[in-house]
Amino acid sequence: MQSFGSIDILVNNAGKGQSVRAEEQTEEEWDSIIDTDLKGSFLCCRAVGKEMIKQNRGRIINIASVGAHCAVPGGSAYCAAKGGLVQLTKVLAIEWARYGINVNTVSPGFTLTPLTQPLEIVSPEMYQERISKIPLGWAARAEDQANAVLFLASPEADHVTGQELIVDGGVLAAHPAMPLQSMPWLQ
């Protein structure tokens, strides 16, 4: 604070996940994911929120996931944490609106990052399966997620709070009972 004078924007982007069946997940693994993906974001929001309340303004953008809305086999802790983060965002948006603090969420779908790009080489079938479920037909780039964050941090989003911007190429909009393969007019 001394060096910069204020805290204007917080982006909570820390996260981790693990693919393990619920009956095989240890309590320590569960706690580690919940602590990183949900508790860590809460603690950052609380610490920065106190400063933003004093200055009567600020933007908080939490990074969740489409996993907050759909079951991912092997992702019980991850999905629970991201779902909790979406709800935490809404609560903080309502509590802190009177202080001029906007709190929103960006929920990415499948995004090409250094962690996901090897999937195309290691398991081309799995990669193509993921891509086939995206109505736009391609994986998001990191810039797509960053642009959503940039919008929510900008003056253009002055009247946006308590919202979730889902950046998934249309995956959650598609009805799960109608996979894209059964819609030849989309291919």
C-alpha atoms as a PDB file:
ATOM      1  CA  MET A   1       0.000   0.000   0.000  1.00  0.00           C
ATOM      2  CA  GLN A   2       2.794   2.428   0.848  1.00  0.00           C
ATOM      3  CA  SER A   3       4.361   2.117  -2.599  1.00  0.00           C
ATOM      4  CA  PHE A   4       1.232   2.180  -4.734  1.00  0.00           C
ATOM      5  CA  GLY A   5      -1.314   4.094  -2.664  1.00  0.00           C
ATOM      6  CA  SER A   6      -4.347   1.867  -3.239  1.00  0.00           C
ATOM      7  CA  ILE A   7      -5.554  -1.533  -4.279  1.00  0.00           C
ATOM      8  CA  ASP A   8      -7.863  -1.131  -7.244  1.00  0.00           C
ATOM      9  CA  ILE A   9      -8.194  -4.654  -8.666  1.00  0.00           C
ATOM     10  CA  LEU A  10      -7.841  -8.163  -7.265  1.00  0.00           C
ATOM     11  CA  VAL A  11      -7.873 -11.186  -9.557  1.00  0.00           C
ATOM     12  CA  ASN A  12      -8.019 -14.487  -7.670  1.00  0.00           C
ATOM     13  CA  ASN A  13      -6.567 -16.967 -10.138  1.00  0.00           C
ATOM     14  CA  ALA A  14      -4.955 -19.590  -7.918  1.00  0.00           C
ATOM     15  CA  GLY A  15      -6.333 -23.040  -8.404  1.00  0.00           C
ATOM     16  CA  LYS A  16      -5.545 -26.705  -8.442  1.00  0.00           C
ATOM     17  CA  GLY A  17      -7.380 -29.858  -9.218  1.00  0.00           C
ATOM     18  CA  GLN A  18      -6.941 -33.574  -9.223  1.00  0.00           C
ATOM     19  CA  SER A  19      -8.683 -36.383 -11.020  1.00  0.00           C
ATOM     20  CA  VAL A  20      -9.542 -38.931  -8.377  1.00  0.00           C
ATOM     21  CA  ARG A  21     -12.774 -40.767  -7.611  1.00  0.00           C
ATOM     22  CA  ALA A  22     -14.520 -39.473  -4.499  1.00  0.00           C
ATOM     23  CA  GLU A  23     -14.310 -42.788  -2.658  1.00  0.00           C
ATOM     24  CA  GLU A  24     -10.542 -42.836  -3.198  1.00  0.00           C
ATOM     25  CA  GLN A  25      -9.813 -39.202  -2.365  1.00  0.00           C
ATOM     26  CA  THR A  26      -8.073 -38.632   0.930  1.00  0.00           C
ATOM     27  CA  GLU A  27      -9.152 -35.949   3.341  1.00  0.00           C
ATOM     28  CA  GLU A  28      -5.764 -34.276   2.881  1.00  0.00           C
ATOM     29  CA  GLU A  29      -6.241 -34.121  -0.920  1.00  0.00           C
ATOM     30  CA  TRP A  30      -9.761 -32.711  -0.465  1.00  0.00           C
ATOM     31  CA  ASP A  31      -8.538 -30.094   2.012  1.00  0.00           C
ATOM     32  CA  SER A  32      -5.664 -29.071  -0.234  1.00  0.00           C
ATOM     33  CA  ILE A  33      -7.966 -28.344  -3.178  1.00  0.00           C
ATOM     34  CA  ILE A  34     -10.639 -26.602  -1.071  1.00  0.00           C
ATOM     35  CA  ASP A  35      -7.948 -24.570   0.729  1.00  0.00           C
ATOM     36  CA  THR A  36      -6.374 -23.424  -2.539  1.00  0.00           C
ATOM     37  CA  ASP A  37      -9.423 -22.912  -4.741  1.00  0.00           C
ATOM     38  CA  LEU A  38     -11.959 -21.593  -2.219  1.00  0.00           C
ATOM     39  CA  LYS A  39     -10.406 -20.685   1.122  1.00  0.00           C
ATOM     40  CA  GLY A  40      -7.414 -18.954  -0.474  1.00  0.00           C
ATOM     41  CA  SER A  41      -9.704 -16.819  -2.621  1.00  0.00           C
ATOM     42  CA  PHE A  42     -11.848 -15.970   0.413  1.00  0.00           C
ATOM     43  CA  LEU A  43      -8.808 -14.929   2.441  1.00  0.00           C
ATOM     44  CA  CYS A  44      -7.514 -12.727  -0.393  1.00  0.00           C
ATOM     45  CA  CYS A  45     -10.970 -11.181  -0.881  1.00  0.00           C
ATOM     46  CA  ARG A  46     -11.262 -10.483   2.824  1.00  0.00           C
ATOM     47  CA  ALA A  47      -7.812  -8.884   3.112  1.00  0.00           C
ATOM     48  CA  VAL A  48      -8.136  -6.775  -0.029  1.00  0.00           C
ATOM     49  CA  GLY A  49     -11.834  -6.081   0.613  1.00  0.00           C
ATOM     50  CA  LYS A  50     -10.959  -4.363   3.899  1.00  0.00           C
ATOM     51  CA  GLU A  51      -8.699  -1.951   2.016  1.00  0.00           C
ATOM     52  CA  MET A  52     -11.225  -1.417  -0.773  1.00  0.00           C
ATOM     53  CA  ILE A  53     -13.932  -0.644   1.806  1.00  0.00           C
ATOM     54  CA  LYS A  54     -11.679   2.093   3.265  1.00  0.00           C
ATOM     55  CA  GLN A  55     -11.149   3.630  -0.184  1.00  0.00           C
ATOM     56  CA  ASN A  56     -14.821   3.123  -1.156  1.00  0.00           C
ATOM     57  CA  ARG A  57     -14.062   1.464  -4.499  1.00  0.00           C
ATOM     58  CA  GLY A  58     -12.499  -1.580  -6.129  1.00  0.00           C
ATOM     59  CA  ARG A  59     -12.888  -4.553  -8.428  1.00  0.00           C
ATOM     60  CA  ILE A  60     -12.568  -8.196  -7.479  1.00  0.00           C
ATOM     61  CA  ILE A  61     -12.618 -10.889 -10.138  1.00  0.00           C
ATOM     62  CA  ASN A  62     -12.589 -14.512  -9.026  1.00  0.00           C
ATOM     63  CA  ILE A  63     -11.628 -17.226 -11.498  1.00  0.00           C
ATOM     64  CA  ALA A  64     -13.904 -20.250 -11.154  1.00  0.00           C
ATOM     65  CA  SER A  65     -14.625 -22.844 -13.835  1.00  0.00           C
ATOM     66  CA  VAL A  66     -17.413 -24.432 -15.844  1.00  0.00           C
ATOM     67  CA  GLY A  67     -16.832 -27.203 -13.283  1.00  0.00           C
ATOM     68  CA  ALA A  68     -18.919 -25.043 -10.947  1.00  0.00           C
ATOM     69  CA  HIS A  69     -21.938 -25.990 -13.078  1.00  0.00           C
ATOM     70  CA  CYS A  70     -21.328 -29.471 -14.423  1.00  0.00           C
ATOM     71  CA  ALA A  71     -20.113 -32.650 -12.832  1.00  0.00           C
ATOM     72  CA  VAL A  72     -16.593 -33.591 -13.817  1.00  0.00           C
ATOM     73  CA  PRO A  73     -15.886 -37.248 -12.955  1.00  0.00           C
ATOM     74  CA  GLY A  74     -12.955 -37.339 -10.568  1.00  0.00           C
ATOM     75  CA  GLY A  75     -13.408 -33.674  -9.704  1.00  0.00           C
ATOM     76  CA  SER A  76     -15.549 -33.685  -6.562  1.00  0.00           C
ATOM     77  CA  ALA A  77     -13.313 -31.305  -4.577  1.00  0.00           C
ATOM     78  CA  TYR A  78     -12.543 -29.104  -7.595  1.00  0.00           C
ATOM     79  CA  CYS A  79     -16.191 -28.739  -8.630  1.00  0.00           C
ATOM     80  CA  ALA A  80     -17.278 -28.130  -5.036  1.00  0.00           C
ATOM     81  CA  ALA A  81     -14.614 -25.443  -4.569  1.00  0.00           C
ATOM     82  CA  LYS A  82     -15.411 -23.671  -7.846  1.00  0.00           C
ATOM     83  CA  GLY A  83     -19.154 -23.816  -7.155  1.00  0.00           C
ATOM     84  CA  GLY A  84     -18.483 -22.342  -3.730  1.00  0.00           C
ATOM     85  CA  LEU A  85     -16.384 -19.596  -5.316  1.00  0.00           C
ATOM     86  CA  VAL A  86     -19.246 -18.605  -7.629  1.00  0.00           C
ATOM     87  CA  GLN A  87     -21.572 -18.323  -4.626  1.00  0.00           C
ATOM     88  CA  LEU A  88     -18.950 -16.479  -2.539  1.00  0.00           C
ATOM     89  CA  THR A  89     -18.686 -13.949  -5.366  1.00  0.00           C
ATOM     90  CA  LYS A  90     -22.425 -13.273  -5.222  1.00  0.00           C
ATOM     91  CA  VAL A  91     -22.431 -12.851  -1.442  1.00  0.00           C
ATOM     92  CA  LEU A  92     -19.477 -10.447  -1.483  1.00  0.00           C
ATOM     93  CA  ALA A  93     -21.008  -8.484  -4.374  1.00  0.00           C
ATOM     94  CA  ILE A  94     -24.143  -7.851  -2.306  1.00  0.00           C
ATOM     95  CA  GLU A  95     -22.290  -7.145   0.951  1.00  0.00           C
ATOM     96  CA  TRP A  96     -19.776  -4.743  -0.615  1.00  0.00           C
ATOM     97  CA  ALA A  97     -21.883  -2.992  -3.274  1.00  0.00           C
ATOM     98  CA  ARG A  98     -22.522  -0.072  -0.903  1.00  0.00           C
ATOM     99  CA  TYR A  99     -18.750   0.510  -0.830  1.00  0.00           C
ATOM    100  CA  GLY A 100     -18.453   0.772  -4.606  1.00  0.00           C
ATOM    101  CA  ILE A 101     -16.795  -2.631  -4.877  1.00  0.00           C
ATOM    102  CA  ASN A 102     -17.747  -4.787  -7.864  1.00  0.00           C
ATOM    103  CA  VAL A 103     -17.222  -8.515  -7.347  1.00  0.00           C
ATOM    104  CA  ASN A 104     -17.596 -10.861 -10.322  1.00  0.00           C
ATOM    105  CA  THR A 105     -16.480 -14.253 -11.581  1.00  0.00           C
ATOM    106  CA  VAL A 106     -14.972 -15.508 -14.827  1.00  0.00           C
ATOM    107  CA  SER A 107     -15.560 -19.215 -15.404  1.00  0.00           C
ATOM    108  CA  PRO A 108     -13.328 -20.661 -18.120  1.00  0.00           C
ATOM    109  CA  GLY A 109     -14.032 -23.768 -20.106  1.00  0.00           C
ATOM    110  CA  PHE A 110     -11.303 -25.798 -21.822  1.00  0.00           C
ATOM    111  CA  THR A 111      -8.445 -23.350 -22.374  1.00  0.00           C
ATOM    112  CA  LEU A 112      -5.086 -23.912 -24.042  1.00  0.00           C
ATOM    113  CA  THR A 113      -2.378 -23.306 -21.466  1.00  0.00           C
ATOM    114  CA  PRO A 114       1.031 -24.845 -20.846  1.00  0.00           C
ATOM    115  CA  LEU A 115      -0.783 -27.402 -18.657  1.00  0.00           C
ATOM    116  CA  THR A 116      -3.416 -28.396 -21.247  1.00  0.00           C
ATOM    117  CA  GLN A 117      -1.507 -28.111 -24.540  1.00  0.00           C
ATOM    118  CA  PRO A 118       0.377 -31.415 -24.076  1.00  0.00           C
ATOM    119  CA  LEU A 119      -3.005 -33.198 -24.090  1.00  0.00           C
ATOM    120  CA  GLU A 120      -3.135 -32.844 -27.883  1.00  0.00           C
ATOM    121  CA  ILE A 121       0.106 -34.836 -28.166  1.00  0.00           C
ATOM    122  CA  VAL A 122      -0.295 -37.239 -25.230  1.00  0.00           C
ATOM    123  CA  SER A 123      -3.908 -38.156 -25.978  1.00  0.00           C
ATOM    124  CA  PRO A 124      -5.126 -36.850 -29.344  1.00  0.00           C
ATOM    125  CA  GLU A 125      -8.399 -38.758 -28.919  1.00  0.00           C
ATOM    126  CA  MET A 126      -9.172 -37.114 -25.585  1.00  0.00           C
ATOM    127  CA  TYR A 127      -8.161 -33.718 -26.969  1.00  0.00           C
ATOM    128  CA  GLN A 128     -10.492 -34.114 -29.960  1.00  0.00           C
ATOM    129  CA  GLU A 129     -13.298 -35.301 -27.684  1.00  0.00           C
ATOM    130  CA  ARG A 130     -12.954 -32.114 -25.603  1.00  0.00           C
ATOM    131  CA  ILE A 131     -12.891 -29.933 -28.715  1.00  0.00           C
ATOM    132  CA  SER A 132     -15.938 -31.740 -30.184  1.00  0.00           C
ATOM    133  CA  LYS A 133     -18.008 -30.634 -27.180  1.00  0.00           C
ATOM    134  CA  ILE A 134     -17.307 -26.948 -27.813  1.00  0.00           C
ATOM    135  CA  PRO A 135     -19.968 -25.433 -30.090  1.00  0.00           C
ATOM    136  CA  LEU A 136     -17.504 -22.837 -31.418  1.00  0.00           C
ATOM    137  CA  GLY A 137     -15.233 -25.756 -32.392  1.00  0.00           C
ATOM    138  CA  TRP A 138     -11.989 -24.621 -30.765  1.00  0.00           C
ATOM    139  CA  ALA A 139     -10.434 -24.333 -27.328  1.00  0.00           C
ATOM    140  CA  ALA A 140     -10.193 -20.955 -25.680  1.00  0.00           C
ATOM    141  CA  ARG A 141      -6.855 -19.194 -25.550  1.00  0.00           C
ATOM    142  CA  ALA A 142      -5.482 -17.615 -22.400  1.00  0.00           C
ATOM    143  CA  GLU A 143      -6.171 -14.232 -24.047  1.00  0.00           C
ATOM    144  CA  ASP A 144      -9.875 -15.067 -24.214  1.00  0.00           C
ATOM    145  CA  GLN A 145      -9.967 -15.471 -20.440  1.00  0.00           C
ATOM    146  CA  ALA A 146      -7.758 -12.414 -19.893  1.00  0.00           C
ATOM    147  CA  ASN A 147     -10.064 -10.283 -22.051  1.00  0.00           C
ATOM    148  CA  ALA A 148     -13.057 -11.299 -19.921  1.00  0.00           C
ATOM    149  CA  VAL A 149     -11.141 -10.275 -16.794  1.00  0.00           C
ATOM    150  CA  LEU A 150     -10.084  -7.022 -18.456  1.00  0.00           C
ATOM    151  CA  PHE A 151     -13.723  -6.203 -19.267  1.00  0.00           C
ATOM    152  CA  LEU A 152     -14.839  -6.800 -15.666  1.00  0.00           C
ATOM    153  CA  ALA A 153     -11.956  -4.649 -14.392  1.00  0.00           C
ATOM    154  CA  SER A 154     -12.759  -1.812 -16.818  1.00  0.00           C
ATOM    155  CA  PRO A 155     -15.116   1.175 -16.523  1.00  0.00           C
ATOM    156  CA  GLU A 156     -17.339  -0.549 -19.107  1.00  0.00           C
ATOM    157  CA  ALA A 157     -18.398  -2.921 -16.305  1.00  0.00           C
ATOM    158  CA  ASP A 158     -19.228  -0.194 -13.751  1.00  0.00           C
ATOM    159  CA  HIS A 159     -22.760  -1.537 -13.301  1.00  0.00           C
ATOM    160  CA  VAL A 160     -21.846  -5.235 -13.318  1.00  0.00           C
ATOM    161  CA  THR A 161     -21.544  -6.981  -9.969  1.00  0.00           C
ATOM    162  CA  GLY A 162     -22.404 -10.411  -8.622  1.00  0.00           C
ATOM    163  CA  GLN A 163     -22.220 -11.879 -12.103  1.00  0.00           C
ATOM    164  CA  GLU A 164     -20.452 -14.803 -13.700  1.00  0.00           C
ATOM    165  CA  LEU A 165     -18.988 -14.478 -17.177  1.00  0.00           C
ATOM    166  CA  ILE A 166     -18.667 -17.978 -18.636  1.00  0.00           C
ATOM    167  CA  VAL A 167     -15.995 -18.198 -21.339  1.00  0.00           C
ATOM    168  CA  ASP A 168     -16.414 -21.727 -22.690  1.00  0.00           C
ATOM    169  CA  GLY A 169     -17.262 -21.458 -26.386  1.00  0.00           C
ATOM    170  CA  GLY A 170     -20.884 -22.367 -25.684  1.00  0.00           C
ATOM    171  CA  VAL A 171     -20.360 -25.656 -23.831  1.00  0.00           C
ATOM    172  CA  LEU A 172     -22.755 -24.915 -20.979  1.00  0.00           C
ATOM    173  CA  ALA A 173     -25.352 -23.526 -23.378  1.00  0.00           C
ATOM    174  CA  ALA A 174     -25.537 -26.855 -25.235  1.00  0.00           C
ATOM    175  CA  HIS A 175     -28.059 -29.320 -23.852  1.00  0.00           C
ATOM    176  CA  PRO A 176     -26.202 -32.342 -22.421  1.00  0.00           C
ATOM    177  CA  ALA A 177     -28.811 -34.759 -23.792  1.00  0.00           C
ATOM    178  CA  MET A 178     -28.016 -33.561 -27.330  1.00  0.00           C
ATOM    179  CA  PRO A 179     -24.301 -34.001 -27.948  1.00  0.00           C
ATOM    180  CA  LEU A 180     -22.906 -32.066 -30.881  1.00  0.00           C
ATOM    181  CA  GLN A 181     -22.346 -35.308 -32.796  1.00  0.00           C
ATOM    182  CA  SER A 182     -26.129 -35.690 -32.986  1.00  0.00           C
ATOM    183  CA  MET A 183     -26.477 -32.197 -34.499  1.00  0.00           C
ATOM    184  CA  PRO A 184     -24.995 -32.534 -38.006  1.00  0.00           C
ATOM    185  CA  TRP A 185     -26.243 -29.061 -38.931  1.00  0.00           C
ATOM    186  CA  LEU A 186     -23.686 -27.651 -36.462  1.00  0.00           C
ATOM    187  CA  GLN A 187     -20.740 -29.490 -37.970  1.00  0.00           C
END
